Protein backbone atom coordinates (compact mmCIF):
# COMPACT_ATOMS: atom_id res chain seq x y z
CA UNK A 1 0.00 0.00 0.00
CA UNK A 2 1.17 3.54 -0.79
CA UNK A 3 -0.19 6.69 0.88
CA UNK A 4 0.47 10.07 -0.77
CA UNK A 5 -0.34 13.47 0.75
CA UNK A 6 1.35 16.85 1.11
CA UNK A 7 1.19 16.89 4.92
CA UNK A 8 0.72 14.27 7.60
CA UNK A 9 0.67 14.59 11.40
CA UNK A 10 1.31 11.79 13.90
CA UNK A 11 -0.13 11.96 17.42
CA UNK A 12 1.95 9.48 19.35
CA UNK A 13 -0.19 9.40 22.49
CA UNK A 14 -3.36 8.64 20.53
CA UNK A 15 -1.56 6.64 17.79
CA UNK A 16 -3.33 8.70 15.09
CA UNK A 17 -2.27 9.81 11.61
CA UNK A 18 -4.09 12.98 10.51
CA UNK A 19 -4.28 15.33 7.55
CA UNK A 20 -6.75 17.81 6.09
CA UNK A 21 -4.90 17.70 2.74
CA UNK A 22 -5.74 15.66 -0.34
CA UNK A 23 -4.82 11.97 -0.03
CA UNK A 24 -4.26 9.12 -2.45
CA UNK A 25 -4.05 5.52 -1.30
CA UNK A 26 -3.00 2.91 -3.84
CA UNK A 27 -2.58 -0.82 -3.72
CA UNK A 28 -2.76 -3.49 -6.37
CA UNK A 29 -6.06 -3.14 -8.21
CA UNK A 30 -7.37 -0.13 -6.25
CA UNK A 31 -6.84 3.64 -5.98
CA UNK A 32 -8.67 5.72 -3.36
CA UNK A 33 -8.58 9.54 -3.43
CA UNK A 34 -10.18 12.09 -1.14
CA UNK A 35 -9.75 15.07 1.15
CA UNK A 36 -8.66 14.61 4.75
CA UNK A 37 -7.66 11.41 6.52
CA UNK A 38 -7.96 10.20 10.11
CA UNK A 39 -6.24 6.89 10.85
CA UNK A 40 -6.69 5.51 14.35
CA UNK A 41 -4.17 2.72 14.75
CA UNK A 42 -5.46 1.36 18.08
CA UNK A 43 -8.99 1.01 16.67
CA UNK A 44 -7.80 -0.14 13.22
CA UNK A 45 -10.00 2.58 11.74
CA UNK A 46 -9.34 4.85 8.74
CA UNK A 47 -11.72 7.56 7.50
CA UNK A 48 -11.37 9.82 4.47
CA UNK A 49 -13.35 12.96 5.32
CA UNK A 50 -14.83 14.05 1.97
CA UNK A 51 -14.76 13.95 -1.84
CA UNK A 52 -13.95 10.23 -1.83
CA UNK A 53 -13.39 8.49 -5.14
CA UNK A 54 -12.52 4.81 -5.49
CA UNK A 55 -11.21 3.38 -8.76
CA UNK A 56 -10.94 -0.39 -9.09
CA UNK A 57 -8.62 -1.33 -11.94
CA UNK A 58 -8.49 -5.07 -11.31
CA UNK A 59 -11.56 -6.65 -9.72
CA UNK A 60 -9.63 -9.85 -8.96
CA UNK A 61 -7.00 -8.01 -6.90
CA UNK A 62 -9.03 -5.07 -5.55
CA UNK A 63 -8.66 -4.51 -1.81
CA UNK A 64 -10.25 -1.65 0.13
CA UNK A 65 -8.84 -2.69 3.52
CA UNK A 66 -6.45 -0.22 5.16
CA UNK A 67 -5.36 -2.69 7.83
CA UNK A 68 -4.25 -6.24 6.91
CA UNK A 69 -6.28 -9.10 8.29
CA UNK A 70 -4.76 -12.37 9.43
CA UNK A 71 -5.03 -15.28 7.00
CA UNK A 72 -5.42 -13.13 3.89
PDB file of N, CA and C in Angstrom:
ATOM      1  N   UNK A   1       0.846  -1.173   0.000  1.00  0.00           N
ATOM      2  CA  UNK A   1       0.000   0.000   0.000  1.00  0.00           C
ATOM      3  C   UNK A   1       0.895   1.241   0.000  1.00  0.00           C
ATOM      4  N   UNK A   2       0.473   2.262  -0.752  1.00  0.00           N
ATOM      5  CA  UNK A   2       1.169   3.542  -0.794  1.00  0.00           C
ATOM      6  C   UNK A   2       0.190   4.650  -0.427  1.00  0.00           C
ATOM      7  N   UNK A   3       0.606   5.534   0.469  1.00  0.00           N
ATOM      8  CA  UNK A   3      -0.188   6.691   0.878  1.00  0.00           C
ATOM      9  C   UNK A   3       0.549   7.947   0.447  1.00  0.00           C
ATOM     10  N   UNK A   4      -0.124   8.808  -0.332  1.00  0.00           N
ATOM     11  CA  UNK A   4       0.472  10.073  -0.770  1.00  0.00           C
ATOM     12  C   UNK A   4      -0.378  11.231  -0.264  1.00  0.00           C
ATOM     13  N   UNK A   5       0.299  12.241   0.297  1.00  0.00           N
ATOM     14  CA  UNK A   5      -0.339  13.469   0.748  1.00  0.00           C
ATOM     15  C   UNK A   5       0.743  14.532   0.924  1.00  0.00           C
ATOM     16  N   UNK A   6       0.363  15.786   0.967  1.00  0.00           N
ATOM     17  CA  UNK A   6       1.354  16.852   1.113  1.00  0.00           C
ATOM     18  C   UNK A   6       1.725  17.123   2.563  1.00  0.00           C
ATOM     19  N   UNK A   7       0.882  16.707   3.491  1.00  0.00           N
ATOM     20  CA  UNK A   7       1.186  16.890   4.916  1.00  0.00           C
ATOM     21  C   UNK A   7       0.540  15.775   5.708  1.00  0.00           C
ATOM     22  N   UNK A   8       1.219  15.371   6.786  1.00  0.00           N
ATOM     23  CA  UNK A   8       0.720  14.275   7.601  1.00  0.00           C
ATOM     24  C   UNK A   8       1.217  14.486   9.026  1.00  0.00           C
ATOM     25  N   UNK A   9       0.309  14.417   9.986  1.00  0.00           N
ATOM     26  CA  UNK A   9       0.670  14.586  11.398  1.00  0.00           C
ATOM     27  C   UNK A   9       0.499  13.257  12.126  1.00  0.00           C
ATOM     28  N   UNK A  10       1.384  12.991  13.071  1.00  0.00           N
ATOM     29  CA  UNK A  10       1.310  11.794  13.903  1.00  0.00           C
ATOM     30  C   UNK A  10       1.137  12.232  15.348  1.00  0.00           C
ATOM     31  N   UNK A  11       0.098  11.712  15.989  1.00  0.00           N
ATOM     32  CA  UNK A  11      -0.127  11.962  17.424  1.00  0.00           C
ATOM     33  C   UNK A  11       0.241  10.689  18.165  1.00  0.00           C
ATOM     34  N   UNK A  12       1.417  10.690  18.744  1.00  0.00           N
ATOM     35  CA  UNK A  12       1.953   9.483  19.351  1.00  0.00           C
ATOM     36  C   UNK A  12       1.088   8.958  20.491  1.00  0.00           C
ATOM     37  N   UNK A  13       0.625   9.835  21.360  1.00  0.00           N
ATOM     38  CA  UNK A  13      -0.187   9.399  22.494  1.00  0.00           C
ATOM     39  C   UNK A  13      -1.471   8.702  22.082  1.00  0.00           C
ATOM     40  N   UNK A  14      -2.102   9.215  21.028  1.00  0.00           N
ATOM     41  CA  UNK A  14      -3.358   8.641  20.533  1.00  0.00           C
ATOM     42  C   UNK A  14      -3.137   7.603  19.439  1.00  0.00           C
ATOM     43  N   UNK A  15      -1.901   7.525  18.919  1.00  0.00           N
ATOM     44  CA  UNK A  15      -1.564   6.645  17.793  1.00  0.00           C
ATOM     45  C   UNK A  15      -2.456   6.951  16.588  1.00  0.00           C
ATOM     46  N   UNK A  16      -2.519   8.232  16.223  1.00  0.00           N
ATOM     47  CA  UNK A  16      -3.335   8.696  15.091  1.00  0.00           C
ATOM     48  C   UNK A  16      -2.464   9.344  14.029  1.00  0.00           C
ATOM     49  N   UNK A  17      -2.798   9.076  12.759  1.00  0.00           N
ATOM     50  CA  UNK A  17      -2.271   9.806  11.609  1.00  0.00           C
ATOM     51  C   UNK A  17      -3.378  10.728  11.142  1.00  0.00           C
ATOM     52  N   UNK A  18      -3.058  12.012  10.891  1.00  0.00           N
ATOM     53  CA  UNK A  18      -4.087  12.981  10.515  1.00  0.00           C
ATOM     54  C   UNK A  18      -3.607  13.897   9.403  1.00  0.00           C
ATOM     55  N   UNK A  19      -4.525  14.270   8.516  1.00  0.00           N
ATOM     56  CA  UNK A  19      -4.278  15.325   7.551  1.00  0.00           C
ATOM     57  C   UNK A  19      -5.609  15.897   7.085  1.00  0.00           C
ATOM     58  N   UNK A  20      -5.601  17.175   6.736  1.00  0.00           N
ATOM     59  CA  UNK A  20      -6.748  17.809   6.085  1.00  0.00           C
ATOM     60  C   UNK A  20      -6.496  17.938   4.588  1.00  0.00           C
ATOM     61  N   UNK A  21      -5.301  17.570   4.146  1.00  0.00           N
ATOM     62  CA  UNK A  21      -4.897  17.703   2.744  1.00  0.00           C
ATOM     63  C   UNK A  21      -5.493  16.575   1.890  1.00  0.00           C
ATOM     64  N   UNK A  22      -5.335  16.716   0.592  1.00  0.00           N
ATOM     65  CA  UNK A  22      -5.742  15.661  -0.338  1.00  0.00           C
ATOM     66  C   UNK A  22      -4.899  14.412  -0.078  1.00  0.00           C
ATOM     67  N   UNK A  23      -5.522  13.239  -0.225  1.00  0.00           N
ATOM     68  CA  UNK A  23      -4.824  11.968  -0.031  1.00  0.00           C
ATOM     69  C   UNK A  23      -5.081  11.045  -1.212  1.00  0.00           C
ATOM     70  N   UNK A  24      -4.112  10.179  -1.455  1.00  0.00           N
ATOM     71  CA  UNK A  24      -4.262   9.118  -2.454  1.00  0.00           C
ATOM     72  C   UNK A  24      -3.674   7.853  -1.857  1.00  0.00           C
ATOM     73  N   UNK A  25      -4.478   6.809  -1.820  1.00  0.00           N
ATOM     74  CA  UNK A  25      -4.050   5.517  -1.298  1.00  0.00           C
ATOM     75  C   UNK A  25      -4.127   4.533  -2.454  1.00  0.00           C
ATOM     76  N   UNK A  26      -3.007   3.878  -2.750  1.00  0.00           N
ATOM     77  CA  UNK A  26      -2.998   2.908  -3.843  1.00  0.00           C
ATOM     78  C   UNK A  26      -2.488   1.573  -3.340  1.00  0.00           C
ATOM     79  N   UNK A  27      -3.058   0.545  -3.905  1.00  0.00           N
ATOM     80  CA  UNK A  27      -2.579  -0.818  -3.720  1.00  0.00           C
ATOM     81  C   UNK A  27      -2.997  -1.575  -4.959  1.00  0.00           C
ATOM     82  N   UNK A  28      -2.487  -2.741  -5.154  1.00  0.00           N
ATOM     83  CA  UNK A  28      -2.761  -3.491  -6.368  1.00  0.00           C
ATOM     84  C   UNK A  28      -4.255  -3.563  -6.634  1.00  0.00           C
ATOM     85  N   UNK A  29      -4.662  -3.055  -7.789  1.00  0.00           N
ATOM     86  CA  UNK A  29      -6.056  -3.144  -8.209  1.00  0.00           C
ATOM     87  C   UNK A  29      -6.971  -2.041  -7.731  1.00  0.00           C
ATOM     88  N   UNK A  30      -6.485  -1.138  -6.853  1.00  0.00           N
ATOM     89  CA  UNK A  30      -7.367  -0.132  -6.254  1.00  0.00           C
ATOM     90  C   UNK A  30      -6.638   1.196  -6.028  1.00  0.00           C
ATOM     91  N   UNK A  31      -7.327   2.304  -6.326  1.00  0.00           N
ATOM     92  CA  UNK A  31      -6.844   3.638  -5.975  1.00  0.00           C
ATOM     93  C   UNK A  31      -7.980   4.380  -5.278  1.00  0.00           C
ATOM     94  N   UNK A  32      -7.693   4.959  -4.124  1.00  0.00           N
ATOM     95  CA  UNK A  32      -8.672   5.723  -3.356  1.00  0.00           C
ATOM     96  C   UNK A  32      -8.138   7.142  -3.207  1.00  0.00           C
ATOM     97  N   UNK A  33      -8.965   8.129  -3.567  1.00  0.00           N
ATOM     98  CA  UNK A  33      -8.580   9.541  -3.431  1.00  0.00           C
ATOM     99  C   UNK A  33      -9.649  10.266  -2.625  1.00  0.00           C
ATOM    100  N   UNK A  34      -9.231  11.284  -1.894  1.00  0.00           N
ATOM    101  CA  UNK A  34     -10.181  12.087  -1.143  1.00  0.00           C
ATOM    102  C   UNK A  34      -9.490  13.237  -0.447  1.00  0.00           C
ATOM    103  N   UNK A  35     -10.251  13.901   0.415  1.00  0.00           N
ATOM    104  CA  UNK A  35      -9.752  15.066   1.147  1.00  0.00           C
ATOM    105  C   UNK A  35      -9.834  14.769   2.633  1.00  0.00           C
ATOM    106  N   UNK A  36      -8.694  14.852   3.315  1.00  0.00           N
ATOM    107  CA  UNK A  36      -8.659  14.612   4.752  1.00  0.00           C
ATOM    108  C   UNK A  36      -8.587  13.133   5.077  1.00  0.00           C
ATOM    109  N   UNK A  37      -7.827  12.803   6.101  1.00  0.00           N
ATOM    110  CA  UNK A  37      -7.662  11.411   6.517  1.00  0.00           C
ATOM    111  C   UNK A  37      -7.450  11.372   8.021  1.00  0.00           C
ATOM    112  N   UNK A  38      -8.121  10.431   8.671  1.00  0.00           N
ATOM    113  CA  UNK A  38      -7.961  10.202  10.110  1.00  0.00           C
ATOM    114  C   UNK A  38      -7.776   8.705  10.299  1.00  0.00           C
ATOM    115  N   UNK A  39      -6.551   8.301  10.625  1.00  0.00           N
ATOM    116  CA  UNK A  39      -6.242   6.889  10.850  1.00  0.00           C
ATOM    117  C   UNK A  39      -6.022   6.696  12.337  1.00  0.00           C
ATOM    118  N   UNK A  40      -6.802   5.817  12.925  1.00  0.00           N
ATOM    119  CA  UNK A  40      -6.692   5.508  14.353  1.00  0.00           C
ATOM    120  C   UNK A  40      -6.150   4.088  14.485  1.00  0.00           C
ATOM    121  N   UNK A  41      -4.866   4.006  14.746  1.00  0.00           N
ATOM    122  CA  UNK A  41      -4.174   2.720  14.746  1.00  0.00           C
ATOM    123  C   UNK A  41      -4.734   1.758  15.797  1.00  0.00           C
ATOM    124  N   UNK A  42      -4.983   2.231  17.000  1.00  0.00           N
ATOM    125  CA  UNK A  42      -5.462   1.361  18.076  1.00  0.00           C
ATOM    126  C   UNK A  42      -6.813   0.743  17.741  1.00  0.00           C
ATOM    127  N   UNK A  43      -7.656   1.492  17.036  1.00  0.00           N
ATOM    128  CA  UNK A  43      -8.993   1.014  16.671  1.00  0.00           C
ATOM    129  C   UNK A  43      -9.016   0.339  15.302  1.00  0.00           C
ATOM    130  N   UNK A  44      -7.875   0.360  14.596  1.00  0.00           N
ATOM    131  CA  UNK A  44      -7.796  -0.138  13.222  1.00  0.00           C
ATOM    132  C   UNK A  44      -8.905   0.476  12.376  1.00  0.00           C
ATOM    133  N   UNK A  45      -8.974   1.819  12.433  1.00  0.00           N
ATOM    134  CA  UNK A  45      -9.999   2.584  11.736  1.00  0.00           C
ATOM    135  C   UNK A  45      -9.331   3.638  10.864  1.00  0.00           C
ATOM    136  N   UNK A  46      -9.836   3.801   9.636  1.00  0.00           N
ATOM    137  CA  UNK A  46      -9.343   4.847   8.738  1.00  0.00           C
ATOM    138  C   UNK A  46     -10.540   5.489   8.056  1.00  0.00           C
ATOM    139  N   UNK A  47     -10.605   6.830   8.099  1.00  0.00           N
ATOM    140  CA  UNK A  47     -11.720   7.565   7.505  1.00  0.00           C
ATOM    141  C   UNK A  47     -11.168   8.667   6.605  1.00  0.00           C
ATOM    142  N   UNK A  48     -11.643   8.699   5.360  1.00  0.00           N
ATOM    143  CA  UNK A  48     -11.374   9.823   4.469  1.00  0.00           C
ATOM    144  C   UNK A  48     -12.565  10.749   4.611  1.00  0.00           C
ATOM    145  N   UNK A  49     -12.298  12.029   4.900  1.00  0.00           N
ATOM    146  CA  UNK A  49     -13.347  12.961   5.318  1.00  0.00           C
ATOM    147  C   UNK A  49     -14.348  13.328   4.226  1.00  0.00           C
ATOM    148  N   UNK A  50     -13.887  13.604   2.995  1.00  0.00           N
ATOM    149  CA  UNK A  50     -14.834  14.054   1.965  1.00  0.00           C
ATOM    150  C   UNK A  50     -14.253  13.865   0.567  1.00  0.00           C
ATOM    151  N   UNK A  51     -15.122  14.044  -0.413  1.00  0.00           N
ATOM    152  CA  UNK A  51     -14.761  13.949  -1.835  1.00  0.00           C
ATOM    153  C   UNK A  51     -14.049  12.639  -2.151  1.00  0.00           C
ATOM    154  N   UNK A  52     -14.578  11.542  -1.650  1.00  0.00           N
ATOM    155  CA  UNK A  52     -13.952  10.230  -1.826  1.00  0.00           C
ATOM    156  C   UNK A  52     -14.274   9.667  -3.202  1.00  0.00           C
ATOM    157  N   UNK A  53     -13.224   9.159  -3.848  1.00  0.00           N
ATOM    158  CA  UNK A  53     -13.394   8.492  -5.137  1.00  0.00           C
ATOM    159  C   UNK A  53     -12.556   7.213  -5.104  1.00  0.00           C
ATOM    160  N   UNK A  54     -13.191   6.098  -5.452  1.00  0.00           N
ATOM    161  CA  UNK A  54     -12.515   4.805  -5.492  1.00  0.00           C
ATOM    162  C   UNK A  54     -12.517   4.316  -6.931  1.00  0.00           C
ATOM    163  N   UNK A  55     -11.338   3.936  -7.419  1.00  0.00           N
ATOM    164  CA  UNK A  55     -11.213   3.376  -8.761  1.00  0.00           C
ATOM    165  C   UNK A  55     -10.638   1.975  -8.624  1.00  0.00           C
ATOM    166  N   UNK A  56     -11.391   0.993  -9.102  1.00  0.00           N
ATOM    167  CA  UNK A  56     -10.935  -0.393  -9.086  1.00  0.00           C
ATOM    168  C   UNK A  56     -10.474  -0.735 -10.494  1.00  0.00           C
ATOM    169  N   UNK A  57      -9.185  -1.028 -10.628  1.00  0.00           N
ATOM    170  CA  UNK A  57      -8.617  -1.326 -11.941  1.00  0.00           C
ATOM    171  C   UNK A  57      -8.501  -2.817 -12.206  1.00  0.00           C
ATOM    172  N   UNK A  58      -8.554  -3.622 -11.160  1.00  0.00           N
ATOM    173  CA  UNK A  58      -8.488  -5.075 -11.305  1.00  0.00           C
ATOM    174  C   UNK A  58      -9.396  -5.695 -10.247  1.00  0.00           C
ATOM    175  N   UNK A  59     -10.569  -6.119 -10.665  1.00  0.00           N
ATOM    176  CA  UNK A  59     -11.556  -6.653  -9.716  1.00  0.00           C
ATOM    177  C   UNK A  59     -11.046  -7.878  -8.977  1.00  0.00           C
ATOM    178  N   UNK A  60     -10.150  -8.640  -9.597  1.00  0.00           N
ATOM    179  CA  UNK A  60      -9.631  -9.851  -8.955  1.00  0.00           C
ATOM    180  C   UNK A  60      -8.624  -9.544  -7.850  1.00  0.00           C
ATOM    181  N   UNK A  61      -8.010  -8.363  -7.896  1.00  0.00           N
ATOM    182  CA  UNK A  61      -7.000  -8.006  -6.904  1.00  0.00           C
ATOM    183  C   UNK A  61      -7.400  -6.811  -6.050  1.00  0.00           C
ATOM    184  N   UNK A  62      -8.583  -6.259  -6.276  1.00  0.00           N
ATOM    185  CA  UNK A  62      -9.027  -5.066  -5.545  1.00  0.00           C
ATOM    186  C   UNK A  62      -9.091  -5.351  -4.046  1.00  0.00           C
ATOM    187  N   UNK A  63      -8.661  -4.362  -3.256  1.00  0.00           N
ATOM    188  CA  UNK A  63      -8.659  -4.509  -1.810  1.00  0.00           C
ATOM    189  C   UNK A  63      -8.859  -3.127  -1.199  1.00  0.00           C
ATOM    190  N   UNK A  64      -9.951  -2.938  -0.488  1.00  0.00           N
ATOM    191  CA  UNK A  64     -10.245  -1.648   0.132  1.00  0.00           C
ATOM    192  C   UNK A  64      -9.787  -1.571   1.587  1.00  0.00           C
ATOM    193  N   UNK A  65      -9.250  -2.662   2.117  1.00  0.00           N
ATOM    194  CA  UNK A  65      -8.835  -2.692   3.522  1.00  0.00           C
ATOM    195  C   UNK A  65      -7.589  -1.849   3.754  1.00  0.00           C
ATOM    196  N   UNK A  66      -7.609  -1.021   4.774  1.00  0.00           N
ATOM    197  CA  UNK A  66      -6.448  -0.218   5.159  1.00  0.00           C
ATOM    198  C   UNK A  66      -5.525  -1.023   6.067  1.00  0.00           C
ATOM    199  N   UNK A  67      -6.115  -1.866   6.903  1.00  0.00           N
ATOM    200  CA  UNK A  67      -5.357  -2.692   7.831  1.00  0.00           C
ATOM    201  C   UNK A  67      -5.410  -4.138   7.367  1.00  0.00           C
ATOM    202  N   UNK A  68      -4.263  -4.834   7.334  1.00  0.00           N
ATOM    203  CA  UNK A  68      -4.254  -6.236   6.906  1.00  0.00           C
ATOM    204  C   UNK A  68      -4.964  -7.116   7.925  1.00  0.00           C
ATOM    205  N   UNK A  69      -5.601  -8.117   7.431  1.00  0.00           N
ATOM    206  CA  UNK A  69      -6.280  -9.096   8.288  1.00  0.00           C
ATOM    207  C   UNK A  69      -5.493 -10.398   8.255  1.00  0.00           C
ATOM    208  N   UNK A  70      -5.455 -11.094   9.368  1.00  0.00           N
ATOM    209  CA  UNK A  70      -4.755 -12.372   9.426  1.00  0.00           C
ATOM    210  C   UNK A  70      -5.387 -13.392   8.490  1.00  0.00           C
ATOM    211  N   UNK A  71      -4.541 -14.222   7.877  1.00  0.00           N
ATOM    212  CA  UNK A  71      -5.035 -15.281   7.002  1.00  0.00           C
ATOM    213  C   UNK A  71      -5.342 -14.842   5.599  1.00  0.00           C
ATOM    214  N   UNK A  72      -5.133 -13.560   5.261  1.00  0.00           N
ATOM    215  CA  UNK A  72      -5.419 -13.133   3.892  1.00  0.00           C
ATOM    216  C   UNK A  72      -4.180 -12.619   3.201  1.00  0.00           C
TER     217      UNK A  72
END
